[in-house]
Amino acid sequence: MSLSYQNLTFGYRKEFGNGNNGIVGVYNNKFDGFYHYLDTNSYYRSKENFFRDLGFIEYIYESNLRFAIGYAEVKNFDKNGYPKKIYIQTFTGNETTEQEYLKQFKDSNSNSVLSYLDRKDRQLFFKAMLSF
């Protein structure tokens, strides 16, 4: 969606898809000559989702010279639709799994693991476009 006034253009775009960090999941498929079939054993398939927000302001200096400044943000969600978390071992600082995080509540001998919300991927960009 965009809105223009004289030499300024304001734009906003919202995208969503399956995958991680805005990279859409890849599906393997089979082709028998007439139909495409989705391969259910594809190891590329991702149950994770992402939302990407993009906003920008563009200034048209001349018909062949434009400047834009914008902001993009990607939010990741796990296969259950909750914001994605990362798990860090407190003593080593290494990333670990959700199973290790849950194991510490059942077993007193396990390492302590902290959970954090996955960081959002944020970008601020400046663009100049010259047409000739």
N, C-alpha and C. Protein backbone atom coordinates (compact mmCIF):
# COMPACT_ATOMS: atom_id res chain seq x y z
N MET A 1 0.85 -1.15 0.00
CA MET A 1 0.00 0.00 0.00
C MET A 1 0.91 1.23 0.00
N SER A 2 0.57 2.20 -0.81
CA SER A 2 1.36 3.42 -0.83
C SER A 2 0.45 4.62 -1.06
N LEU A 3 0.95 5.75 -0.62
CA LEU A 3 0.23 7.01 -0.74
C LEU A 3 1.22 8.06 -1.22
N SER A 4 0.86 8.80 -2.25
CA SER A 4 1.77 9.80 -2.81
C SER A 4 1.17 11.19 -2.67
N TYR A 5 2.06 12.16 -2.41
CA TYR A 5 1.67 13.56 -2.36
C TYR A 5 2.81 14.36 -2.97
N GLN A 6 2.56 14.99 -4.08
CA GLN A 6 3.55 15.75 -4.85
C GLN A 6 4.78 14.89 -5.10
N ASN A 7 5.91 15.21 -4.50
CA ASN A 7 7.16 14.47 -4.74
C ASN A 7 7.44 13.40 -3.69
N LEU A 8 6.54 13.19 -2.73
CA LEU A 8 6.75 12.21 -1.66
C LEU A 8 5.84 11.01 -1.85
N THR A 9 6.38 9.86 -1.56
CA THR A 9 5.61 8.62 -1.56
C THR A 9 5.82 7.93 -0.22
N PHE A 10 4.73 7.57 0.45
CA PHE A 10 4.78 6.82 1.70
C PHE A 10 4.28 5.41 1.39
N GLY A 11 5.06 4.41 1.80
CA GLY A 11 4.68 3.04 1.50
C GLY A 11 4.75 2.14 2.70
N TYR A 12 3.90 1.12 2.73
CA TYR A 12 3.90 0.12 3.79
C TYR A 12 3.56 -1.23 3.17
N ARG A 13 4.25 -2.24 3.64
CA ARG A 13 4.02 -3.59 3.14
C ARG A 13 4.14 -4.58 4.29
N LYS A 14 3.21 -5.53 4.38
CA LYS A 14 3.26 -6.59 5.39
C LYS A 14 3.23 -7.92 4.67
N GLU A 15 4.20 -8.77 5.00
CA GLU A 15 4.29 -10.09 4.38
C GLU A 15 4.30 -11.14 5.47
N PHE A 16 3.86 -12.32 5.12
CA PHE A 16 4.00 -13.46 6.02
C PHE A 16 4.22 -14.71 5.18
N GLY A 17 4.84 -15.70 5.80
CA GLY A 17 5.10 -16.94 5.10
C GLY A 17 5.66 -17.97 6.04
N ASN A 18 5.92 -19.15 5.52
CA ASN A 18 6.54 -20.16 6.36
C ASN A 18 8.03 -20.17 6.09
N GLY A 19 8.80 -20.42 7.11
CA GLY A 19 10.25 -20.36 7.03
C GLY A 19 10.78 -19.63 8.24
N ASN A 20 11.98 -19.09 8.12
CA ASN A 20 12.63 -18.42 9.23
C ASN A 20 13.36 -17.19 8.72
N ASN A 21 13.28 -16.09 9.43
CA ASN A 21 13.94 -14.83 9.09
C ASN A 21 13.60 -14.34 7.69
N GLY A 22 12.38 -14.54 7.29
CA GLY A 22 11.96 -14.03 5.99
C GLY A 22 12.36 -14.91 4.83
N ILE A 23 12.99 -16.05 5.09
CA ILE A 23 13.36 -16.98 4.03
C ILE A 23 12.25 -18.01 3.92
N VAL A 24 11.56 -18.02 2.84
CA VAL A 24 10.40 -18.90 2.67
C VAL A 24 10.85 -20.35 2.60
N GLY A 25 10.10 -21.23 3.25
CA GLY A 25 10.42 -22.65 3.25
C GLY A 25 10.36 -23.25 1.86
N VAL A 26 11.21 -24.23 1.62
CA VAL A 26 11.30 -24.90 0.32
C VAL A 26 10.59 -26.25 0.42
N TYR A 27 9.80 -26.56 -0.57
CA TYR A 27 9.11 -27.84 -0.60
C TYR A 27 9.62 -28.64 -1.79
N ASN A 28 9.87 -29.91 -1.57
CA ASN A 28 10.18 -30.80 -2.68
C ASN A 28 8.88 -31.26 -3.30
N ASN A 29 8.86 -31.42 -4.59
CA ASN A 29 7.66 -31.96 -5.21
C ASN A 29 8.05 -32.97 -6.27
N LYS A 30 7.08 -33.79 -6.64
CA LYS A 30 7.27 -34.80 -7.68
C LYS A 30 6.42 -34.41 -8.87
N PHE A 31 6.89 -34.76 -10.05
CA PHE A 31 6.16 -34.44 -11.27
C PHE A 31 6.05 -35.70 -12.10
N ASP A 32 4.83 -36.10 -12.46
CA ASP A 32 4.64 -37.33 -13.23
C ASP A 32 4.30 -37.06 -14.69
N GLY A 33 4.49 -35.83 -15.14
CA GLY A 33 4.18 -35.50 -16.52
C GLY A 33 2.95 -34.64 -16.65
N PHE A 34 2.00 -34.82 -15.72
CA PHE A 34 0.77 -34.03 -15.76
C PHE A 34 0.53 -33.25 -14.47
N TYR A 35 0.88 -33.83 -13.30
CA TYR A 35 0.55 -33.22 -12.02
C TYR A 35 1.80 -33.09 -11.16
N HIS A 36 1.80 -32.06 -10.30
CA HIS A 36 2.85 -31.90 -9.29
C HIS A 36 2.31 -32.45 -7.97
N TYR A 37 3.11 -33.23 -7.27
CA TYR A 37 2.75 -33.77 -5.97
C TYR A 37 3.72 -33.25 -4.93
N LEU A 38 3.22 -32.87 -3.75
CA LEU A 38 4.06 -32.40 -2.66
C LEU A 38 4.68 -33.61 -1.98
N ASP A 39 5.98 -33.59 -1.80
CA ASP A 39 6.69 -34.67 -1.12
C ASP A 39 6.56 -34.46 0.39
N THR A 40 5.84 -35.33 1.08
CA THR A 40 5.60 -35.15 2.52
C THR A 40 6.83 -35.49 3.34
N ASN A 41 7.84 -36.12 2.77
CA ASN A 41 9.06 -36.44 3.51
C ASN A 41 10.15 -35.39 3.30
N SER A 42 9.80 -34.25 2.79
CA SER A 42 10.78 -33.20 2.51
C SER A 42 11.41 -32.70 3.80
N TYR A 43 12.73 -32.74 3.88
CA TYR A 43 13.41 -32.23 5.07
C TYR A 43 13.62 -30.73 5.00
N TYR A 44 13.27 -30.11 3.89
CA TYR A 44 13.34 -28.66 3.78
C TYR A 44 12.09 -27.98 4.35
N ARG A 45 11.03 -28.73 4.54
CA ARG A 45 9.77 -28.14 4.98
C ARG A 45 9.95 -27.53 6.37
N SER A 46 9.41 -26.36 6.56
CA SER A 46 9.50 -25.67 7.84
C SER A 46 8.11 -25.42 8.36
N LYS A 47 7.90 -25.69 9.63
CA LYS A 47 6.63 -25.39 10.27
C LYS A 47 6.66 -24.02 10.92
N GLU A 48 7.80 -23.34 10.88
CA GLU A 48 7.92 -22.02 11.48
C GLU A 48 7.35 -20.96 10.54
N ASN A 49 6.96 -19.84 11.11
CA ASN A 49 6.38 -18.75 10.34
C ASN A 49 7.13 -17.46 10.61
N PHE A 50 6.96 -16.49 9.73
CA PHE A 50 7.53 -15.17 9.95
C PHE A 50 6.55 -14.11 9.47
N PHE A 51 6.66 -12.94 10.05
CA PHE A 51 5.95 -11.74 9.60
C PHE A 51 7.00 -10.69 9.30
N ARG A 52 6.89 -10.03 8.16
CA ARG A 52 7.82 -8.96 7.80
C ARG A 52 7.02 -7.68 7.58
N ASP A 53 7.43 -6.62 8.28
CA ASP A 53 6.84 -5.29 8.09
C ASP A 53 7.88 -4.41 7.41
N LEU A 54 7.45 -3.66 6.43
CA LEU A 54 8.35 -2.80 5.68
C LEU A 54 7.65 -1.47 5.44
N GLY A 55 8.31 -0.38 5.81
CA GLY A 55 7.77 0.96 5.58
C GLY A 55 8.86 1.84 4.99
N PHE A 56 8.49 2.76 4.13
CA PHE A 56 9.49 3.64 3.53
C PHE A 56 8.87 4.98 3.13
N ILE A 57 9.74 5.97 2.99
CA ILE A 57 9.38 7.28 2.45
C ILE A 57 10.33 7.54 1.29
N GLU A 58 9.76 7.86 0.14
CA GLU A 58 10.57 8.10 -1.05
C GLU A 58 10.35 9.54 -1.52
N TYR A 59 11.44 10.21 -1.86
CA TYR A 59 11.39 11.57 -2.37
C TYR A 59 11.87 11.57 -3.82
N ILE A 60 11.06 12.11 -4.72
CA ILE A 60 11.44 12.18 -6.13
C ILE A 60 12.05 13.56 -6.37
N TYR A 61 13.37 13.60 -6.47
CA TYR A 61 14.09 14.85 -6.67
C TYR A 61 13.91 15.35 -8.10
N GLU A 62 14.10 14.48 -9.05
CA GLU A 62 13.84 14.73 -10.46
C GLU A 62 13.22 13.47 -11.03
N SER A 63 12.86 13.49 -12.29
CA SER A 63 12.21 12.31 -12.87
C SER A 63 13.15 11.10 -12.92
N ASN A 64 14.46 11.33 -12.92
CA ASN A 64 15.40 10.21 -12.99
C ASN A 64 16.23 10.05 -11.72
N LEU A 65 15.92 10.77 -10.65
CA LEU A 65 16.67 10.67 -9.40
C LEU A 65 15.71 10.61 -8.22
N ARG A 66 15.82 9.53 -7.43
CA ARG A 66 14.94 9.32 -6.27
C ARG A 66 15.78 8.94 -5.06
N PHE A 67 15.29 9.32 -3.88
CA PHE A 67 15.91 8.95 -2.62
C PHE A 67 14.84 8.34 -1.72
N ALA A 68 15.22 7.33 -0.96
CA ALA A 68 14.26 6.69 -0.06
C ALA A 68 14.96 6.30 1.24
N ILE A 69 14.20 6.34 2.31
CA ILE A 69 14.66 5.83 3.60
C ILE A 69 13.55 4.91 4.11
N GLY A 70 13.95 3.80 4.73
CA GLY A 70 12.93 2.85 5.14
C GLY A 70 13.35 2.01 6.32
N TYR A 71 12.42 1.21 6.78
CA TYR A 71 12.61 0.35 7.94
C TYR A 71 11.96 -1.00 7.66
N ALA A 72 12.66 -2.07 8.00
CA ALA A 72 12.12 -3.42 7.82
C ALA A 72 12.33 -4.20 9.13
N GLU A 73 11.34 -5.02 9.47
CA GLU A 73 11.42 -5.82 10.69
C GLU A 73 10.83 -7.19 10.42
N VAL A 74 11.53 -8.24 10.86
CA VAL A 74 11.06 -9.61 10.70
C VAL A 74 10.87 -10.22 12.09
N LYS A 75 9.68 -10.80 12.33
CA LYS A 75 9.38 -11.50 13.58
C LYS A 75 9.18 -12.96 13.27
N ASN A 76 9.83 -13.84 14.04
CA ASN A 76 9.74 -15.28 13.82
C ASN A 76 8.82 -15.93 14.85
N PHE A 77 8.10 -16.97 14.41
CA PHE A 77 7.20 -17.72 15.27
C PHE A 77 7.49 -19.21 15.11
N ASP A 78 7.34 -19.97 16.20
CA ASP A 78 7.60 -21.41 16.14
C ASP A 78 6.42 -22.15 15.51
N LYS A 79 6.52 -23.48 15.47
CA LYS A 79 5.49 -24.29 14.80
C LYS A 79 4.13 -24.22 15.49
N ASN A 80 4.09 -23.79 16.76
CA ASN A 80 2.81 -23.66 17.48
C ASN A 80 2.22 -22.26 17.37
N GLY A 81 2.90 -21.36 16.70
CA GLY A 81 2.41 -20.00 16.53
C GLY A 81 2.84 -19.02 17.61
N TYR A 82 3.70 -19.47 18.54
CA TYR A 82 4.20 -18.59 19.59
C TYR A 82 5.49 -17.91 19.12
N PRO A 83 5.81 -16.73 19.68
CA PRO A 83 7.09 -16.11 19.31
C PRO A 83 8.25 -17.07 19.57
N LYS A 84 9.16 -17.15 18.61
CA LYS A 84 10.26 -18.12 18.70
C LYS A 84 11.20 -17.77 19.85
N LYS A 85 11.69 -18.80 20.54
CA LYS A 85 12.61 -18.62 21.66
C LYS A 85 13.94 -19.28 21.35
N ILE A 86 14.99 -18.78 21.98
CA ILE A 86 16.30 -19.43 21.93
C ILE A 86 16.65 -19.83 23.36
N TYR A 87 17.46 -20.86 23.50
CA TYR A 87 17.81 -21.40 24.81
C TYR A 87 19.31 -21.39 24.96
N ILE A 88 19.79 -20.79 26.08
CA ILE A 88 21.23 -20.60 26.31
C ILE A 88 21.61 -21.25 27.64
N GLN A 89 22.71 -22.04 27.64
CA GLN A 89 23.24 -22.60 28.89
C GLN A 89 23.97 -21.48 29.62
N THR A 90 23.70 -21.34 30.92
CA THR A 90 24.24 -20.20 31.66
C THR A 90 25.75 -20.27 31.87
N PHE A 91 26.31 -21.47 32.05
CA PHE A 91 27.74 -21.57 32.35
C PHE A 91 28.62 -21.52 31.11
N THR A 92 28.16 -22.11 30.02
CA THR A 92 28.99 -22.16 28.81
C THR A 92 28.62 -21.07 27.80
N GLY A 93 27.39 -20.60 27.84
CA GLY A 93 26.94 -19.61 26.87
C GLY A 93 26.56 -20.20 25.53
N ASN A 94 26.54 -21.53 25.45
CA ASN A 94 26.19 -22.20 24.19
C ASN A 94 24.68 -22.28 24.03
N GLU A 95 24.25 -22.26 22.77
CA GLU A 95 22.83 -22.42 22.49
C GLU A 95 22.47 -23.89 22.61
N THR A 96 21.29 -24.17 23.12
CA THR A 96 20.85 -25.55 23.32
C THR A 96 19.40 -25.69 22.85
N THR A 97 18.77 -26.79 23.19
CA THR A 97 17.43 -27.09 22.68
C THR A 97 16.35 -26.87 23.75
N GLU A 98 15.12 -26.89 23.31
CA GLU A 98 13.99 -26.75 24.23
C GLU A 98 13.91 -27.97 25.17
N GLN A 99 14.30 -29.15 24.67
CA GLN A 99 14.28 -30.35 25.50
C GLN A 99 15.22 -30.21 26.70
N GLU A 100 16.41 -29.63 26.49
CA GLU A 100 17.34 -29.42 27.59
C GLU A 100 16.78 -28.41 28.59
N TYR A 101 16.10 -27.41 28.09
CA TYR A 101 15.48 -26.40 28.95
C TYR A 101 14.42 -27.04 29.85
N LEU A 102 13.55 -27.89 29.28
CA LEU A 102 12.51 -28.54 30.07
C LEU A 102 13.06 -29.61 30.99
N LYS A 103 14.19 -30.22 30.61
CA LYS A 103 14.81 -31.28 31.41
C LYS A 103 15.30 -30.75 32.76
N GLN A 104 15.70 -29.49 32.82
CA GLN A 104 16.25 -28.96 34.07
C GLN A 104 15.22 -28.89 35.19
N PHE A 105 13.93 -28.88 34.83
CA PHE A 105 12.90 -28.83 35.86
C PHE A 105 12.58 -30.22 36.40
N LYS A 106 12.95 -31.27 35.66
CA LYS A 106 12.71 -32.64 36.10
C LYS A 106 13.91 -33.25 36.80
N ASP A 107 15.10 -32.85 36.38
CA ASP A 107 16.34 -33.45 36.88
C ASP A 107 17.17 -32.37 37.57
N SER A 108 17.54 -32.60 38.81
CA SER A 108 18.30 -31.58 39.56
C SER A 108 19.78 -31.55 39.15
N ASN A 109 20.27 -32.56 38.43
CA ASN A 109 21.68 -32.62 38.03
C ASN A 109 21.96 -31.94 36.69
N SER A 110 20.93 -31.47 36.02
CA SER A 110 21.15 -30.89 34.70
C SER A 110 21.65 -29.45 34.81
N ASN A 111 22.27 -28.97 33.73
CA ASN A 111 22.76 -27.60 33.67
C ASN A 111 21.59 -26.63 33.63
N SER A 112 21.83 -25.43 34.16
CA SER A 112 20.75 -24.43 34.10
C SER A 112 20.74 -23.80 32.71
N VAL A 113 19.55 -23.67 32.17
CA VAL A 113 19.35 -23.14 30.83
C VAL A 113 18.32 -22.02 30.92
N LEU A 114 18.62 -20.90 30.28
CA LEU A 114 17.71 -19.77 30.25
C LEU A 114 17.05 -19.69 28.88
N SER A 115 15.81 -19.20 28.86
CA SER A 115 15.13 -19.02 27.58
C SER A 115 14.93 -17.53 27.33
N TYR A 116 15.15 -17.14 26.10
CA TYR A 116 14.97 -15.76 25.68
C TYR A 116 14.12 -15.75 24.42
N LEU A 117 13.37 -14.69 24.24
CA LEU A 117 12.67 -14.53 22.97
C LEU A 117 13.71 -14.25 21.90
N ASP A 118 13.51 -14.86 20.74
CA ASP A 118 14.42 -14.66 19.62
C ASP A 118 14.39 -13.19 19.22
N ARG A 119 15.54 -12.66 18.89
CA ARG A 119 15.60 -11.25 18.52
C ARG A 119 14.88 -11.02 17.20
N LYS A 120 14.36 -9.83 17.06
CA LYS A 120 13.74 -9.45 15.80
C LYS A 120 14.84 -8.98 14.87
N ASP A 121 14.72 -9.30 13.63
CA ASP A 121 15.67 -8.83 12.63
C ASP A 121 15.19 -7.47 12.16
N ARG A 122 15.93 -6.42 12.49
CA ARG A 122 15.55 -5.05 12.14
C ARG A 122 16.59 -4.44 11.20
N GLN A 123 16.09 -3.72 10.22
CA GLN A 123 16.98 -3.07 9.26
C GLN A 123 16.49 -1.66 8.98
N LEU A 124 17.43 -0.74 8.92
CA LEU A 124 17.16 0.62 8.50
C LEU A 124 17.94 0.81 7.21
N PHE A 125 17.30 1.28 6.17
CA PHE A 125 18.01 1.38 4.90
C PHE A 125 17.79 2.73 4.24
N PHE A 126 18.77 3.12 3.43
CA PHE A 126 18.74 4.34 2.63
C PHE A 126 19.02 3.92 1.20
N LYS A 127 18.22 4.42 0.28
CA LYS A 127 18.36 4.01 -1.12
C LYS A 127 18.36 5.25 -2.01
N ALA A 128 19.25 5.26 -2.97
CA ALA A 128 19.26 6.29 -4.00
C ALA A 128 19.15 5.59 -5.34
N MET A 129 18.25 6.06 -6.19
CA MET A 129 18.05 5.41 -7.48
C MET A 129 18.21 6.44 -8.59
N LEU A 130 19.11 6.15 -9.50
CA LEU A 130 19.38 7.02 -10.64
C LEU A 130 19.01 6.25 -11.91
N SER A 131 18.12 6.81 -12.70
CA SER A 131 17.72 6.17 -13.94
C SER A 131 18.31 6.94 -15.10
N PHE A 132 18.89 6.20 -16.06
CA PHE A 132 19.42 6.86 -17.27
C PHE A 132 19.34 5.96 -18.44
